[in-house]
N, C-alpha and C. Protein backbone atom coordinates (compact mmCIF):
# COMPACT_ATOMS: atom_id res chain seq x y z
N MET A 1 6.98 17.93 -7.88
CA MET A 1 6.69 16.63 -8.44
C MET A 1 7.59 16.40 -9.65
N ARG A 2 8.16 15.21 -9.70
CA ARG A 2 8.98 14.82 -10.85
C ARG A 2 8.05 14.30 -11.94
N VAL A 3 8.15 14.84 -13.13
CA VAL A 3 7.35 14.39 -14.26
C VAL A 3 8.28 13.68 -15.24
N ILE A 4 7.93 12.43 -15.53
CA ILE A 4 8.68 11.62 -16.48
C ILE A 4 7.82 11.49 -17.73
N GLU A 5 8.37 11.85 -18.85
CA GLU A 5 7.59 11.89 -20.09
C GLU A 5 7.27 10.50 -20.63
N ASP A 6 8.20 9.56 -20.48
CA ASP A 6 8.06 8.27 -21.14
C ASP A 6 8.47 7.14 -20.21
N VAL A 7 7.63 6.13 -20.11
CA VAL A 7 7.92 4.95 -19.28
C VAL A 7 9.29 4.37 -19.63
N ALA A 8 9.64 4.39 -20.91
CA ALA A 8 10.90 3.79 -21.36
C ALA A 8 12.13 4.47 -20.77
N THR A 9 11.99 5.68 -20.24
CA THR A 9 13.13 6.38 -19.64
C THR A 9 13.25 6.13 -18.14
N LEU A 10 12.40 5.29 -17.58
CA LEU A 10 12.49 5.00 -16.14
C LEU A 10 13.88 4.52 -15.71
N PRO A 11 14.57 3.67 -16.50
CA PRO A 11 15.91 3.26 -16.07
C PRO A 11 16.88 4.43 -15.86
N ASP A 12 16.64 5.53 -16.55
CA ASP A 12 17.49 6.72 -16.40
C ASP A 12 17.31 7.40 -15.05
N THR A 13 16.28 7.03 -14.31
CA THR A 13 16.00 7.70 -13.03
C THR A 13 16.70 7.03 -11.84
N ILE A 14 17.39 5.91 -12.07
CA ILE A 14 18.08 5.23 -10.96
C ILE A 14 19.02 6.22 -10.29
N GLY A 15 18.92 6.32 -8.98
CA GLY A 15 19.74 7.24 -8.20
C GLY A 15 19.07 8.57 -7.90
N GLU A 16 18.01 8.88 -8.61
CA GLU A 16 17.30 10.13 -8.35
C GLU A 16 16.58 10.07 -7.00
N VAL A 17 16.48 11.22 -6.37
CA VAL A 17 15.69 11.36 -5.14
C VAL A 17 14.53 12.28 -5.46
N TRP A 18 13.33 11.80 -5.17
CA TRP A 18 12.11 12.56 -5.42
C TRP A 18 11.54 13.03 -4.09
N GLY A 19 11.17 14.30 -4.02
CA GLY A 19 10.54 14.78 -2.81
C GLY A 19 11.39 15.78 -2.09
N PRO A 20 10.92 16.13 -0.91
CA PRO A 20 9.85 15.49 -0.15
C PRO A 20 8.45 15.96 -0.57
N THR A 21 7.47 15.21 -0.11
CA THR A 21 6.07 15.58 -0.31
C THR A 21 5.70 16.71 0.64
N ASP A 22 4.50 17.21 0.49
CA ASP A 22 3.95 18.11 1.49
C ASP A 22 3.68 17.32 2.77
N TRP A 23 3.59 18.02 3.88
CA TRP A 23 3.27 17.38 5.16
C TRP A 23 1.82 16.90 5.16
N GLN A 24 1.58 15.75 5.79
CA GLN A 24 0.23 15.22 6.03
C GLN A 24 0.08 14.99 7.53
N THR A 25 -1.00 15.47 8.09
CA THR A 25 -1.25 15.28 9.52
C THR A 25 -1.89 13.92 9.76
N VAL A 26 -1.34 13.22 10.74
CA VAL A 26 -1.91 11.93 11.16
C VAL A 26 -2.65 12.20 12.47
N ASP A 27 -3.93 12.56 12.34
CA ASP A 27 -4.73 12.91 13.52
C ASP A 27 -5.45 11.68 14.07
N GLN A 28 -6.09 11.86 15.21
CA GLN A 28 -6.75 10.73 15.87
C GLN A 28 -7.86 10.15 15.00
N ASP A 29 -8.59 10.97 14.28
CA ASP A 29 -9.65 10.45 13.40
C ASP A 29 -9.08 9.50 12.35
N ARG A 30 -7.94 9.86 11.79
CA ARG A 30 -7.31 8.99 10.79
C ARG A 30 -6.86 7.68 11.41
N VAL A 31 -6.26 7.75 12.60
CA VAL A 31 -5.80 6.55 13.29
C VAL A 31 -6.98 5.65 13.65
N THR A 32 -8.04 6.23 14.16
CA THR A 32 -9.23 5.45 14.53
C THR A 32 -9.88 4.84 13.30
N SER A 33 -9.96 5.58 12.22
CA SER A 33 -10.52 5.03 10.97
C SER A 33 -9.68 3.85 10.48
N PHE A 34 -8.37 3.97 10.58
CA PHE A 34 -7.50 2.87 10.17
C PHE A 34 -7.73 1.66 11.08
N ALA A 35 -7.89 1.90 12.37
CA ALA A 35 -8.19 0.81 13.31
C ALA A 35 -9.49 0.11 12.93
N ASP A 36 -10.48 0.88 12.55
CA ASP A 36 -11.77 0.30 12.15
C ASP A 36 -11.63 -0.56 10.89
N VAL A 37 -10.89 -0.07 9.92
CA VAL A 37 -10.73 -0.79 8.66
C VAL A 37 -9.93 -2.08 8.86
N THR A 38 -8.92 -2.04 9.70
CA THR A 38 -8.03 -3.19 9.88
C THR A 38 -8.40 -4.06 11.07
N ASN A 39 -9.39 -3.62 11.85
CA ASN A 39 -9.80 -4.33 13.06
C ASN A 39 -8.65 -4.46 14.07
N ASP A 40 -7.81 -3.44 14.10
CA ASP A 40 -6.69 -3.39 15.05
C ASP A 40 -6.96 -2.24 16.02
N HIS A 41 -7.67 -2.56 17.10
CA HIS A 41 -8.09 -1.55 18.06
C HIS A 41 -7.27 -1.58 19.34
N GLN A 42 -5.97 -1.83 19.24
CA GLN A 42 -5.13 -1.81 20.43
C GLN A 42 -5.26 -0.44 21.10
N TRP A 43 -5.30 -0.45 22.41
CA TRP A 43 -5.52 0.79 23.16
C TRP A 43 -4.46 1.84 22.86
N ILE A 44 -3.25 1.43 22.53
CA ILE A 44 -2.18 2.38 22.26
C ILE A 44 -2.50 3.27 21.05
N HIS A 45 -3.46 2.80 20.22
CA HIS A 45 -3.86 3.55 19.03
C HIS A 45 -5.17 4.31 19.20
N VAL A 46 -6.10 3.76 19.99
CA VAL A 46 -7.46 4.32 19.98
C VAL A 46 -7.99 4.82 21.32
N ASP A 47 -7.39 4.41 22.41
CA ASP A 47 -7.88 4.83 23.74
C ASP A 47 -7.04 6.00 24.23
N THR A 48 -7.51 7.21 23.94
CA THR A 48 -6.72 8.41 24.24
C THR A 48 -6.46 8.59 25.73
N GLU A 49 -7.45 8.27 26.56
CA GLU A 49 -7.28 8.44 28.01
C GLU A 49 -6.27 7.45 28.56
N ARG A 50 -6.42 6.18 28.20
CA ARG A 50 -5.49 5.17 28.70
C ARG A 50 -4.08 5.42 28.16
N ALA A 51 -3.99 5.78 26.88
CA ALA A 51 -2.67 6.05 26.30
C ALA A 51 -1.99 7.23 26.98
N ALA A 52 -2.76 8.25 27.34
CA ALA A 52 -2.18 9.40 28.05
C ALA A 52 -1.65 8.98 29.42
N ALA A 53 -2.35 8.04 30.07
CA ALA A 53 -1.96 7.61 31.41
C ALA A 53 -0.90 6.51 31.41
N ASP A 54 -1.00 5.55 30.48
CA ASP A 54 -0.18 4.34 30.56
C ASP A 54 0.86 4.18 29.46
N SER A 55 0.75 4.92 28.40
CA SER A 55 1.68 4.75 27.28
C SER A 55 3.01 5.42 27.56
N PRO A 56 4.11 4.79 27.18
CA PRO A 56 5.41 5.45 27.32
C PRO A 56 5.56 6.64 26.37
N PHE A 57 4.60 6.81 25.46
CA PHE A 57 4.66 7.89 24.47
C PHE A 57 3.80 9.09 24.86
N GLY A 58 3.07 8.98 25.96
CA GLY A 58 2.27 10.10 26.44
C GLY A 58 0.96 10.31 25.72
N GLY A 59 0.59 9.38 24.87
CA GLY A 59 -0.66 9.48 24.12
C GLY A 59 -0.73 8.40 23.07
N THR A 60 -1.75 8.47 22.25
CA THR A 60 -1.91 7.46 21.21
C THR A 60 -0.87 7.65 20.11
N ILE A 61 -0.59 6.55 19.42
CA ILE A 61 0.34 6.58 18.29
C ILE A 61 -0.33 5.91 17.09
N ALA A 62 0.15 6.25 15.91
CA ALA A 62 -0.35 5.63 14.68
C ALA A 62 0.16 4.20 14.57
N HIS A 63 -0.64 3.38 13.93
CA HIS A 63 -0.22 2.02 13.60
C HIS A 63 0.98 2.09 12.65
N GLY A 64 1.92 1.17 12.82
CA GLY A 64 3.01 1.10 11.85
C GLY A 64 2.49 0.85 10.45
N ALA A 65 1.46 0.00 10.35
CA ALA A 65 0.89 -0.30 9.03
C ALA A 65 0.24 0.93 8.40
N LEU A 66 -0.30 1.83 9.21
CA LEU A 66 -0.84 3.07 8.67
C LEU A 66 0.28 3.92 8.09
N THR A 67 1.36 4.05 8.83
CA THR A 67 2.51 4.81 8.34
C THR A 67 3.00 4.24 7.02
N LEU A 68 3.14 2.91 6.97
CA LEU A 68 3.60 2.26 5.75
C LEU A 68 2.63 2.48 4.60
N SER A 69 1.35 2.40 4.88
CA SER A 69 0.36 2.55 3.81
C SER A 69 0.39 3.94 3.18
N LEU A 70 0.83 4.93 3.93
CA LEU A 70 0.91 6.28 3.39
C LEU A 70 1.98 6.40 2.31
N CYS A 71 2.94 5.47 2.30
CA CYS A 71 3.98 5.50 1.26
C CYS A 71 3.38 5.44 -0.13
N THR A 72 2.40 4.59 -0.31
CA THR A 72 1.81 4.40 -1.63
C THR A 72 1.20 5.70 -2.15
N ALA A 73 0.45 6.38 -1.32
CA ALA A 73 -0.15 7.65 -1.74
C ALA A 73 0.93 8.71 -1.96
N MET A 74 1.97 8.67 -1.16
CA MET A 74 3.01 9.68 -1.30
C MET A 74 3.79 9.52 -2.60
N VAL A 75 3.97 8.28 -3.07
CA VAL A 75 4.63 8.10 -4.36
C VAL A 75 3.85 8.83 -5.45
N ALA A 76 2.53 8.76 -5.38
CA ALA A 76 1.70 9.46 -6.37
C ALA A 76 1.88 10.97 -6.30
N ASP A 77 2.26 11.48 -5.13
CA ASP A 77 2.53 12.91 -4.98
C ASP A 77 3.95 13.28 -5.43
N LEU A 78 4.82 12.27 -5.56
CA LEU A 78 6.22 12.52 -5.87
C LEU A 78 6.53 12.46 -7.36
N VAL A 79 5.84 11.59 -8.08
CA VAL A 79 6.21 11.35 -9.48
C VAL A 79 4.97 11.07 -10.32
N ARG A 80 5.06 11.49 -11.57
CA ARG A 80 4.02 11.18 -12.55
C ARG A 80 4.72 10.77 -13.83
N VAL A 81 4.28 9.66 -14.39
CA VAL A 81 4.80 9.20 -15.68
C VAL A 81 3.70 9.43 -16.70
N ARG A 82 3.94 10.37 -17.60
CA ARG A 82 2.88 10.84 -18.50
C ARG A 82 2.23 9.74 -19.33
N ASN A 83 3.01 8.83 -19.87
CA ASN A 83 2.41 7.82 -20.75
C ASN A 83 2.19 6.48 -20.04
N ALA A 84 2.07 6.51 -18.72
CA ALA A 84 1.78 5.28 -17.98
C ALA A 84 0.29 4.98 -18.04
N LYS A 85 -0.04 3.77 -18.45
CA LYS A 85 -1.43 3.34 -18.44
C LYS A 85 -1.84 2.92 -17.04
N SER A 86 -0.91 2.24 -16.35
CA SER A 86 -1.20 1.82 -14.98
C SER A 86 0.09 1.68 -14.19
N VAL A 87 -0.05 1.92 -12.90
CA VAL A 87 1.03 1.72 -11.93
C VAL A 87 0.46 0.82 -10.85
N ILE A 88 1.10 -0.33 -10.65
CA ILE A 88 0.59 -1.34 -9.74
C ILE A 88 1.55 -1.49 -8.57
N ASN A 89 1.04 -1.39 -7.36
CA ASN A 89 1.84 -1.61 -6.15
C ASN A 89 2.09 -3.11 -6.01
N LEU A 90 3.36 -3.51 -6.01
CA LEU A 90 3.71 -4.92 -5.87
C LEU A 90 4.11 -5.29 -4.45
N GLY A 91 4.25 -4.29 -3.58
CA GLY A 91 4.57 -4.59 -2.19
C GLY A 91 5.78 -3.83 -1.69
N PHE A 92 6.31 -4.32 -0.57
CA PHE A 92 7.42 -3.67 0.11
C PHE A 92 8.46 -4.70 0.53
N ASP A 93 9.71 -4.30 0.54
CA ASP A 93 10.81 -5.06 1.12
C ASP A 93 11.52 -4.17 2.13
N ARG A 94 12.26 -4.80 3.03
CA ARG A 94 13.13 -4.08 3.97
C ARG A 94 12.40 -2.98 4.73
N VAL A 95 11.27 -3.31 5.29
CA VAL A 95 10.47 -2.33 6.04
C VAL A 95 11.04 -2.20 7.45
N ARG A 96 11.29 -0.97 7.87
CA ARG A 96 11.77 -0.69 9.23
C ARG A 96 11.00 0.49 9.80
N PHE A 97 10.51 0.31 11.02
CA PHE A 97 9.87 1.40 11.75
C PHE A 97 10.89 1.86 12.79
N SER A 98 11.54 2.97 12.52
CA SER A 98 12.62 3.44 13.38
C SER A 98 12.17 4.48 14.38
N GLY A 99 10.88 4.76 14.41
CA GLY A 99 10.34 5.70 15.39
C GLY A 99 8.83 5.61 15.41
N THR A 100 8.25 6.10 16.49
CA THR A 100 6.79 6.11 16.60
C THR A 100 6.23 7.38 15.96
N VAL A 101 4.94 7.33 15.66
CA VAL A 101 4.24 8.48 15.10
C VAL A 101 3.13 8.85 16.07
N PRO A 102 3.41 9.76 17.02
CA PRO A 102 2.36 10.20 17.94
C PRO A 102 1.21 10.85 17.17
N THR A 103 0.00 10.60 17.61
CA THR A 103 -1.16 11.20 16.98
C THR A 103 -1.00 12.73 16.97
N GLY A 104 -1.31 13.31 15.84
CA GLY A 104 -1.12 14.75 15.65
C GLY A 104 0.17 15.09 14.93
N SER A 105 1.03 14.10 14.74
CA SER A 105 2.28 14.33 14.00
C SER A 105 1.99 14.63 12.54
N ARG A 106 2.94 15.29 11.93
CA ARG A 106 2.87 15.51 10.49
C ARG A 106 3.97 14.67 9.84
N LEU A 107 3.62 13.99 8.75
CA LEU A 107 4.56 13.15 8.03
C LEU A 107 4.75 13.65 6.61
N ARG A 108 5.92 13.39 6.08
CA ARG A 108 6.17 13.60 4.66
C ARG A 108 7.14 12.53 4.19
N GLY A 109 7.16 12.32 2.89
CA GLY A 109 7.98 11.25 2.36
C GLY A 109 8.84 11.69 1.20
N SER A 110 9.92 10.95 1.03
CA SER A 110 10.76 11.11 -0.15
C SER A 110 11.11 9.71 -0.65
N ALA A 111 11.54 9.64 -1.89
CA ALA A 111 11.85 8.35 -2.49
C ALA A 111 13.16 8.44 -3.25
N GLU A 112 13.98 7.42 -3.10
CA GLU A 112 15.19 7.28 -3.91
C GLU A 112 15.00 6.08 -4.82
N VAL A 113 15.16 6.29 -6.11
CA VAL A 113 15.00 5.19 -7.06
C VAL A 113 16.23 4.30 -6.95
N ARG A 114 16.00 3.05 -6.53
CA ARG A 114 17.09 2.11 -6.28
C ARG A 114 17.33 1.17 -7.45
N ASP A 115 16.25 0.80 -8.15
CA ASP A 115 16.39 -0.18 -9.22
C ASP A 115 15.22 -0.05 -10.18
N VAL A 116 15.49 -0.24 -11.45
CA VAL A 116 14.45 -0.30 -12.48
C VAL A 116 14.83 -1.45 -13.41
N ARG A 117 13.89 -2.38 -13.58
CA ARG A 117 14.13 -3.53 -14.45
C ARG A 117 12.97 -3.71 -15.42
N ARG A 118 13.31 -4.17 -16.60
CA ARG A 118 12.30 -4.48 -17.60
C ARG A 118 11.56 -5.73 -17.17
N ILE A 119 10.25 -5.72 -17.28
CA ILE A 119 9.40 -6.88 -17.06
C ILE A 119 8.47 -6.99 -18.27
N PRO A 120 7.82 -8.12 -18.46
CA PRO A 120 6.92 -8.22 -19.61
C PRO A 120 5.88 -7.09 -19.63
N GLY A 121 5.95 -6.29 -20.66
CA GLY A 121 4.97 -5.22 -20.85
C GLY A 121 5.26 -3.92 -20.13
N GLY A 122 6.33 -3.86 -19.33
CA GLY A 122 6.59 -2.63 -18.59
C GLY A 122 7.89 -2.66 -17.81
N TYR A 123 7.88 -2.00 -16.65
CA TYR A 123 9.07 -1.89 -15.81
C TYR A 123 8.72 -2.13 -14.35
N ARG A 124 9.65 -2.75 -13.64
CA ARG A 124 9.56 -2.95 -12.19
C ARG A 124 10.48 -1.92 -11.55
N VAL A 125 9.93 -1.11 -10.66
CA VAL A 125 10.68 -0.03 -10.03
C VAL A 125 10.76 -0.29 -8.53
N VAL A 126 11.95 -0.11 -7.96
CA VAL A 126 12.13 -0.18 -6.51
C VAL A 126 12.54 1.21 -6.05
N ALA A 127 11.74 1.77 -5.16
CA ALA A 127 12.03 3.10 -4.61
C ALA A 127 12.14 2.99 -3.10
N ARG A 128 13.24 3.46 -2.54
CA ARG A 128 13.41 3.49 -1.08
C ARG A 128 12.64 4.68 -0.54
N MET A 129 11.53 4.38 0.14
CA MET A 129 10.69 5.42 0.74
C MET A 129 11.22 5.74 2.13
N THR A 130 11.35 7.00 2.41
CA THR A 130 11.76 7.46 3.74
C THR A 130 10.68 8.40 4.25
N MET A 131 10.07 8.00 5.36
CA MET A 131 9.00 8.80 5.98
C MET A 131 9.60 9.58 7.14
N SER A 132 9.42 10.88 7.11
CA SER A 132 9.92 11.77 8.16
C SER A 132 8.75 12.35 8.93
N SER A 133 9.01 12.66 10.20
CA SER A 133 8.00 13.25 11.07
C SER A 133 8.49 14.61 11.56
N ASP A 134 7.55 15.50 11.79
CA ASP A 134 7.92 16.80 12.34
C ASP A 134 8.31 16.69 13.81
N ARG A 135 8.18 15.51 14.40
CA ARG A 135 8.51 15.31 15.81
C ARG A 135 9.73 14.43 16.03
N SER A 136 10.47 14.16 14.98
CA SER A 136 11.62 13.26 15.11
C SER A 136 12.74 13.72 14.19
N VAL A 137 13.97 13.59 14.65
CA VAL A 137 15.11 13.95 13.81
C VAL A 137 15.49 12.81 12.87
N ARG A 138 15.08 11.60 13.21
CA ARG A 138 15.38 10.47 12.34
C ARG A 138 14.09 10.00 11.66
N PRO A 139 14.22 9.29 10.56
CA PRO A 139 13.01 8.81 9.87
C PRO A 139 12.18 7.90 10.78
N VAL A 140 10.87 7.90 10.57
CA VAL A 140 10.00 7.02 11.35
C VAL A 140 9.75 5.71 10.61
N CYS A 141 9.98 5.70 9.30
CA CYS A 141 9.79 4.48 8.52
C CYS A 141 10.66 4.57 7.27
N VAL A 142 11.32 3.46 6.97
CA VAL A 142 12.08 3.33 5.73
C VAL A 142 11.68 2.00 5.12
N ALA A 143 11.33 2.01 3.83
CA ALA A 143 10.89 0.78 3.17
C ALA A 143 11.17 0.87 1.68
N ASP A 144 11.53 -0.26 1.10
CA ASP A 144 11.68 -0.34 -0.34
C ASP A 144 10.32 -0.69 -0.94
N GLN A 145 9.72 0.25 -1.63
CA GLN A 145 8.44 0.01 -2.28
C GLN A 145 8.69 -0.45 -3.71
N ILE A 146 7.95 -1.48 -4.09
CA ILE A 146 8.12 -2.07 -5.42
C ILE A 146 6.82 -1.87 -6.19
N PHE A 147 6.94 -1.34 -7.39
CA PHE A 147 5.75 -1.19 -8.20
C PHE A 147 6.08 -1.45 -9.66
N ALA A 148 5.06 -1.80 -10.41
CA ALA A 148 5.19 -2.03 -11.85
C ALA A 148 4.53 -0.88 -12.59
N VAL A 149 5.18 -0.44 -13.65
CA VAL A 149 4.66 0.65 -14.46
C VAL A 149 4.50 0.14 -15.89
N PHE A 150 3.29 0.30 -16.41
CA PHE A 150 2.97 -0.18 -17.75
C PHE A 150 2.60 1.00 -18.64
N PRO A 151 3.19 1.06 -19.85
CA PRO A 151 2.90 2.19 -20.73
C PRO A 151 1.54 2.07 -21.39
N ASP A 152 1.02 3.22 -21.77
CA ASP A 152 -0.20 3.28 -22.56
C ASP A 152 0.24 3.21 -24.02
N GLU A 153 0.13 2.04 -24.60
CA GLU A 153 0.60 1.85 -25.98
C GLU A 153 -0.17 2.74 -26.96
N ALA A 154 -1.40 3.08 -26.63
CA ALA A 154 -2.20 3.94 -27.51
C ALA A 154 -1.64 5.35 -27.57
N ALA A 155 -0.91 5.75 -26.49
CA ALA A 155 -0.37 7.10 -26.44
C ALA A 155 0.93 7.22 -27.24
N ALA A 156 1.49 6.08 -27.62
CA ALA A 156 2.78 6.10 -28.32
C ALA A 156 2.65 6.53 -29.77
């Protein structure tokens, strides 16, 4: 994990690559739980028998949105800013799903800091997240994650 002592030094991290994270297994329970939360119960994600018989992937696969959502948690595993009061997810740009995530796959992520800009009260950071799978030689998801980091003025 990369530890940054001061929010004010975030611009110095442009070009750094953080990671990779530890592997996380995307099992059927996780996929089904995500389907329940998002109300996206397409058979390709939740019907193991039909997916085994009819899917071109030989079984169920994770939702693309599930894969993308793991980026946010993985950033927290990649970097810590000691004097940050809050880190707010502002969204994603340039999202690409370049491969499927078969159920049972293990994923890990890395981030390249692409841009850091001053905003009122803090910094806007753009990190290119790359999600890798233990079942693919190419990334399964690449996305620019944007977040705001605000310092804890009391810690200064």
